[in-house]
Amino acid sequence: METKKYIYFKNENMWIGYWEEYPDYLTQGVSLEELKDNLLDIYKDLSSDAIPCVHRVGELEIA
């Protein structure tokens, strides 16, 4: 099973989060479980190219 990192925090009554790989695409949930469900939904859209012009985070090795 593959895992991906996400960043999340509580803002007043809502949990806010985004995938580390896609920092421009926030989602939210009333509970942490709802946030996780919403993160999975948006990940499917982002990784399937269903959303045009998706910004991604890359990594390069520096000599």
PDB file of N, CA and C in Angstrom:
ATOM      1  N   MET A   1       0.837  -1.183   0.000  1.00  0.00           N
ATOM      2  CA  MET A   1       0.000   0.000   0.000  1.00  0.00           C
ATOM      3  C   MET A   1       0.880   1.244   0.000  1.00  0.00           C
ATOM      4  N   GLU A   2       0.562   2.172  -0.843  1.00  0.00           N
ATOM      5  CA  GLU A   2       1.299   3.428  -0.964  1.00  0.00           C
ATOM      6  C   GLU A   2       0.768   4.440   0.055  1.00  0.00           C
ATOM      7  N   THR A   3       1.648   5.262   0.591  1.00  0.00           N
ATOM      8  CA  THR A   3       1.230   6.337   1.487  1.00  0.00           C
ATOM      9  C   THR A   3       1.725   7.670   0.936  1.00  0.00           C
ATOM     10  N   LYS A   4       1.011   8.725   1.256  1.00  0.00           N
ATOM     11  CA  LYS A   4       1.357  10.091   0.866  1.00  0.00           C
ATOM     12  C   LYS A   4       1.240  10.977   2.088  1.00  0.00           C
ATOM     13  N   LYS A   5       2.073  11.996   2.169  1.00  0.00           N
ATOM     14  CA  LYS A   5       2.041  12.922   3.297  1.00  0.00           C
ATOM     15  C   LYS A   5       1.051  14.049   3.028  1.00  0.00           C
ATOM     16  N   TYR A   6       0.366  14.457   4.098  1.00  0.00           N
ATOM     17  CA  TYR A   6      -0.510  15.617   4.022  1.00  0.00           C
ATOM     18  C   TYR A   6      -0.273  16.504   5.238  1.00  0.00           C
ATOM     19  N   ILE A   7      -0.602  17.769   5.077  1.00  0.00           N
ATOM     20  CA  ILE A   7      -0.442  18.758   6.128  1.00  0.00           C
ATOM     21  C   ILE A   7      -1.847  19.151   6.571  1.00  0.00           C
ATOM     22  N   TYR A   8      -2.053  19.272   7.872  1.00  0.00           N
ATOM     23  CA  TYR A   8      -3.382  19.632   8.349  1.00  0.00           C
ATOM     24  C   TYR A   8      -3.290  20.449   9.633  1.00  0.00           C
ATOM     25  N   PHE A   9      -4.363  21.195   9.911  1.00  0.00           N
ATOM     26  CA  PHE A   9      -4.447  21.998  11.120  1.00  0.00           C
ATOM     27  C   PHE A   9      -5.909  22.308  11.406  1.00  0.00           C
ATOM     28  N   LYS A  10      -6.175  22.661  12.645  1.00  0.00           N
ATOM     29  CA  LYS A  10      -7.539  23.024  13.023  1.00  0.00           C
ATOM     30  C   LYS A  10      -7.645  24.535  13.036  1.00  0.00           C
ATOM     31  N   ASN A  11      -8.668  25.046  12.358  1.00  0.00           N
ATOM     32  CA  ASN A  11      -8.930  26.476  12.276  1.00  0.00           C
ATOM     33  C   ASN A  11     -10.344  26.706  12.792  1.00  0.00           C
ATOM     34  N   GLU A  12     -10.445  27.147  14.031  1.00  0.00           N
ATOM     35  CA  GLU A  12     -11.726  27.314  14.709  1.00  0.00           C
ATOM     36  C   GLU A  12     -12.497  25.992  14.697  1.00  0.00           C
ATOM     37  N   ASN A  13     -13.584  25.861  13.921  1.00  0.00           N
ATOM     38  CA  ASN A  13     -14.424  24.656  13.948  1.00  0.00           C
ATOM     39  C   ASN A  13     -14.068  23.654  12.854  1.00  0.00           C
ATOM     40  N   MET A  14     -13.145  23.983  11.972  1.00  0.00           N
ATOM     41  CA  MET A  14     -12.878  23.139  10.803  1.00  0.00           C
ATOM     42  C   MET A  14     -11.439  22.626  10.804  1.00  0.00           C
ATOM     43  N   TRP A  15     -11.263  21.449  10.262  1.00  0.00           N
ATOM     44  CA  TRP A  15      -9.931  20.905   9.979  1.00  0.00           C
ATOM     45  C   TRP A  15      -9.609  21.267   8.538  1.00  0.00           C
ATOM     46  N   ILE A  16      -8.453  21.837   8.301  1.00  0.00           N
ATOM     47  CA  ILE A  16      -7.993  22.248   6.976  1.00  0.00           C
ATOM     48  C   ILE A  16      -6.786  21.379   6.631  1.00  0.00           C
ATOM     49  N   GLY A  17      -6.696  20.959   5.366  1.00  0.00           N
ATOM     50  CA  GLY A  17      -5.552  20.152   4.982  1.00  0.00           C
ATOM     51  C   GLY A  17      -5.269  20.205   3.494  1.00  0.00           C
ATOM     52  N   TYR A  18      -4.074  19.748   3.142  1.00  0.00           N
ATOM     53  CA  TYR A  18      -3.672  19.645   1.746  1.00  0.00           C
ATOM     54  C   TYR A  18      -2.585  18.594   1.633  1.00  0.00           C
ATOM     55  N   TRP A  19      -2.433  18.062   0.441  1.00  0.00           N
ATOM     56  CA  TRP A  19      -1.381  17.079   0.175  1.00  0.00           C
ATOM     57  C   TRP A  19      -0.053  17.801   0.050  1.00  0.00           C
ATOM     58  N   GLU A  20       0.992  17.251   0.635  1.00  0.00           N
ATOM     59  CA  GLU A  20       2.326  17.836   0.532  1.00  0.00           C
ATOM     60  C   GLU A  20       2.713  18.010  -0.945  1.00  0.00           C
ATOM     61  N   GLU A  21       2.332  17.073  -1.766  1.00  0.00           N
ATOM     62  CA  GLU A  21       2.647  17.094  -3.197  1.00  0.00           C
ATOM     63  C   GLU A  21       1.857  18.169  -3.956  1.00  0.00           C
ATOM     64  N   TYR A  22       0.701  18.576  -3.423  1.00  0.00           N
ATOM     65  CA  TYR A  22      -0.187  19.546  -4.075  1.00  0.00           C
ATOM     66  C   TYR A  22      -0.575  20.650  -3.082  1.00  0.00           C
ATOM     67  N   PRO A  23       0.358  21.523  -2.701  1.00  0.00           N
ATOM     68  CA  PRO A  23       0.078  22.499  -1.640  1.00  0.00           C
ATOM     69  C   PRO A  23      -0.932  23.577  -2.002  1.00  0.00           C
ATOM     70  N   ASP A  24      -1.249  23.747  -3.270  1.00  0.00           N
ATOM     71  CA  ASP A  24      -2.184  24.800  -3.679  1.00  0.00           C
ATOM     72  C   ASP A  24      -3.643  24.377  -3.568  1.00  0.00           C
ATOM     73  N   TYR A  25      -3.916  23.134  -3.213  1.00  0.00           N
ATOM     74  CA  TYR A  25      -5.280  22.607  -3.264  1.00  0.00           C
ATOM     75  C   TYR A  25      -5.739  22.192  -1.865  1.00  0.00           C
ATOM     76  N   LEU A  26      -6.332  23.151  -1.160  1.00  0.00           N
ATOM     77  CA  LEU A  26      -6.814  22.928   0.201  1.00  0.00           C
ATOM     78  C   LEU A  26      -8.182  22.262   0.195  1.00  0.00           C
ATOM     79  N   THR A  27      -8.450  21.505   1.243  1.00  0.00           N
ATOM     80  CA  THR A  27      -9.788  20.983   1.491  1.00  0.00           C
ATOM     81  C   THR A  27     -10.029  21.069   2.988  1.00  0.00           C
ATOM     82  N   GLN A  28     -11.257  20.773   3.413  1.00  0.00           N
ATOM     83  CA  GLN A  28     -11.593  20.922   4.826  1.00  0.00           C
ATOM     84  C   GLN A  28     -12.589  19.862   5.252  1.00  0.00           C
ATOM     85  N   GLY A  29     -12.771  19.754   6.555  1.00  0.00           N
ATOM     86  CA  GLY A  29     -13.752  18.846   7.117  1.00  0.00           C
ATOM     87  C   GLY A  29     -14.112  19.272   8.525  1.00  0.00           C
ATOM     88  N   VAL A  30     -15.326  18.936   8.951  1.00  0.00           N
ATOM     89  CA  VAL A  30     -15.767  19.255  10.298  1.00  0.00           C
ATOM     90  C   VAL A  30     -15.012  18.386  11.303  1.00  0.00           C
ATOM     91  N   SER A  31     -14.697  17.164  10.914  1.00  0.00           N
ATOM     92  CA  SER A  31     -13.916  16.259  11.754  1.00  0.00           C
ATOM     93  C   SER A  31     -12.643  15.875  11.007  1.00  0.00           C
ATOM     94  N   LEU A  32     -11.708  15.304  11.728  1.00  0.00           N
ATOM     95  CA  LEU A  32     -10.472  14.853  11.098  1.00  0.00           C
ATOM     96  C   LEU A  32     -10.764  13.729  10.103  1.00  0.00           C
ATOM     97  N   GLU A  33     -11.713  12.864  10.421  1.00  0.00           N
ATOM     98  CA  GLU A  33     -12.088  11.786   9.499  1.00  0.00           C
ATOM     99  C   GLU A  33     -12.692  12.336   8.215  1.00  0.00           C
ATOM    100  N   GLU A  34     -13.543  13.357   8.322  1.00  0.00           N
ATOM    101  CA  GLU A  34     -14.121  13.976   7.130  1.00  0.00           C
ATOM    102  C   GLU A  34     -13.038  14.629   6.283  1.00  0.00           C
ATOM    103  N   LEU A  35     -12.076  15.275   6.943  1.00  0.00           N
ATOM    104  CA  LEU A  35     -10.955  15.872   6.215  1.00  0.00           C
ATOM    105  C   LEU A  35     -10.205  14.804   5.441  1.00  0.00           C
ATOM    106  N   LYS A  36      -9.923  13.671   6.064  1.00  0.00           N
ATOM    107  CA  LYS A  36      -9.203  12.591   5.385  1.00  0.00           C
ATOM    108  C   LYS A  36      -9.985  12.081   4.185  1.00  0.00           C
ATOM    109  N   ASP A  37     -11.294  11.930   4.317  1.00  0.00           N
ATOM    110  CA  ASP A  37     -12.133  11.512   3.183  1.00  0.00           C
ATOM    111  C   ASP A  37     -12.053  12.526   2.046  1.00  0.00           C
ATOM    112  N   ASN A  38     -12.117  13.817   2.398  1.00  0.00           N
ATOM    113  CA  ASN A  38     -12.043  14.869   1.384  1.00  0.00           C
ATOM    114  C   ASN A  38     -10.665  14.922   0.731  1.00  0.00           C
ATOM    115  N   LEU A  39      -9.618  14.664   1.511  1.00  0.00           N
ATOM    116  CA  LEU A  39      -8.274  14.612   0.938  1.00  0.00           C
ATOM    117  C   LEU A  39      -8.157  13.478  -0.079  1.00  0.00           C
ATOM    118  N   LEU A  40      -8.733  12.327   0.232  1.00  0.00           N
ATOM    119  CA  LEU A  40      -8.701  11.202  -0.711  1.00  0.00           C
ATOM    120  C   LEU A  40      -9.446  11.552  -2.000  1.00  0.00           C
ATOM    121  N   ASP A  41     -10.587  12.214  -1.868  1.00  0.00           N
ATOM    122  CA  ASP A  41     -11.366  12.612  -3.051  1.00  0.00           C
ATOM    123  C   ASP A  41     -10.577  13.565  -3.936  1.00  0.00           C
ATOM    124  N   ILE A  42      -9.986  14.591  -3.329  1.00  0.00           N
ATOM    125  CA  ILE A  42      -9.258  15.570  -4.143  1.00  0.00           C
ATOM    126  C   ILE A  42      -7.986  14.952  -4.732  1.00  0.00           C
ATOM    127  N   TYR A  43      -7.371  14.012  -4.022  1.00  0.00           N
ATOM    128  CA  TYR A  43      -6.180  13.352  -4.562  1.00  0.00           C
ATOM    129  C   TYR A  43      -6.517  12.588  -5.838  1.00  0.00           C
ATOM    130  N   LYS A  44      -7.645  11.917  -5.851  1.00  0.00           N
ATOM    131  CA  LYS A  44      -8.070  11.182  -7.053  1.00  0.00           C
ATOM    132  C   LYS A  44      -8.198  12.130  -8.235  1.00  0.00           C
ATOM    133  N   ASP A  45      -8.804  13.294  -8.013  1.00  0.00           N
ATOM    134  CA  ASP A  45      -8.958  14.268  -9.094  1.00  0.00           C
ATOM    135  C   ASP A  45      -7.619  14.849  -9.531  1.00  0.00           C
ATOM    136  N   LEU A  46      -6.779  15.203  -8.572  1.00  0.00           N
ATOM    137  CA  LEU A  46      -5.495  15.816  -8.899  1.00  0.00           C
ATOM    138  C   LEU A  46      -4.557  14.849  -9.619  1.00  0.00           C
ATOM    139  N   SER A  47      -4.520  13.617  -9.198  1.00  0.00           N
ATOM    140  CA  SER A  47      -3.579  12.661  -9.780  1.00  0.00           C
ATOM    141  C   SER A  47      -4.082  12.037 -11.080  1.00  0.00           C
ATOM    142  N   SER A  48      -5.353  12.221 -11.402  1.00  0.00           N
ATOM    143  CA  SER A  48      -5.895  11.647 -12.636  1.00  0.00           C
ATOM    144  C   SER A  48      -5.916  12.649 -13.784  1.00  0.00           C
ATOM    145  N   ASP A  49      -5.377  13.836 -13.553  1.00  0.00           N
ATOM    146  CA  ASP A  49      -5.373  14.913 -14.548  1.00  0.00           C
ATOM    147  C   ASP A  49      -6.782  15.385 -14.896  1.00  0.00           C
ATOM    148  N   ALA A  50      -7.748  15.184 -14.000  1.00  0.00           N
ATOM    149  CA  ALA A  50      -9.106  15.677 -14.196  1.00  0.00           C
ATOM    150  C   ALA A  50      -9.170  17.196 -14.027  1.00  0.00           C
ATOM    151  N   ILE A  51      -8.198  17.750 -13.302  1.00  0.00           N
ATOM    152  CA  ILE A  51      -8.115  19.191 -13.083  1.00  0.00           C
ATOM    153  C   ILE A  51      -6.970  19.726 -13.930  1.00  0.00           C
ATOM    154  N   PRO A  52      -7.243  20.707 -14.815  1.00  0.00           N
ATOM    155  CA  PRO A  52      -6.169  21.227 -15.669  1.00  0.00           C
ATOM    156  C   PRO A  52      -5.187  22.112 -14.895  1.00  0.00           C
ATOM    157  N   CYS A  53      -3.968  22.160 -15.371  1.00  0.00           N
ATOM    158  CA  CYS A  53      -2.918  23.059 -14.853  1.00  0.00           C
ATOM    159  C   CYS A  53      -2.626  22.843 -13.370  1.00  0.00           C
ATOM    160  N   VAL A  54      -2.553  21.615 -12.942  1.00  0.00           N
ATOM    161  CA  VAL A  54      -2.281  21.305 -11.543  1.00  0.00           C
ATOM    162  C   VAL A  54      -0.832  21.653 -11.212  1.00  0.00           C
ATOM    163  N   HIS A  55      -0.632  22.398 -10.128  1.00  0.00           N
ATOM    164  CA  HIS A  55       0.710  22.724  -9.655  1.00  0.00           C
ATOM    165  C   HIS A  55       1.182  21.588  -8.766  1.00  0.00           C
ATOM    166  N   ARG A  56       2.400  21.158  -8.971  1.00  0.00           N
ATOM    167  CA  ARG A  56       2.968  20.057  -8.200  1.00  0.00           C
ATOM    168  C   ARG A  56       4.266  20.502  -7.536  1.00  0.00           C
ATOM    169  N   VAL A  57       4.684  19.757  -6.532  1.00  0.00           N
ATOM    170  CA  VAL A  57       5.973  19.975  -5.884  1.00  0.00           C
ATOM    171  C   VAL A  57       6.926  18.927  -6.417  1.00  0.00           C
ATOM    172  N   GLY A  58       8.092  19.349  -6.862  1.00  0.00           N
ATOM    173  CA  GLY A  58       9.110  18.427  -7.341  1.00  0.00           C
ATOM    174  C   GLY A  58      10.320  18.455  -6.423  1.00  0.00           C
ATOM    175  N   GLU A  59      11.229  17.544  -6.681  1.00  0.00           N
ATOM    176  CA  GLU A  59      12.449  17.482  -5.880  1.00  0.00           C
ATOM    177  C   GLU A  59      13.616  17.186  -6.805  1.00  0.00           C
ATOM    178  N   LEU A  60      14.709  17.923  -6.640  1.00  0.00           N
ATOM    179  CA  LEU A  60      15.904  17.733  -7.438  1.00  0.00           C
ATOM    180  C   LEU A  60      17.084  17.462  -6.524  1.00  0.00           C
ATOM    181  N   GLU A  61      17.987  16.614  -6.946  1.00  0.00           N
ATOM    182  CA  GLU A  61      19.212  16.377  -6.201  1.00  0.00           C
ATOM    183  C   GLU A  61      20.214  17.445  -6.595  1.00  0.00           C
ATOM    184  N   ILE A  62      20.789  18.108  -5.604  1.00  0.00           N
ATOM    185  CA  ILE A  62      21.786  19.153  -5.828  1.00  0.00           C
ATOM    186  C   ILE A  62      23.150  18.554  -5.524  1.00  0.00           C
ATOM    187  N   ALA A  63      24.058  18.672  -6.466  1.00  0.00           N
ATOM    188  CA  ALA A  63      25.395  18.077  -6.306  1.00  0.00           C
ATOM    189  C   ALA A  63      26.194  18.753  -5.233  1.00  0.00           C
TER     190      ALA A  63
END
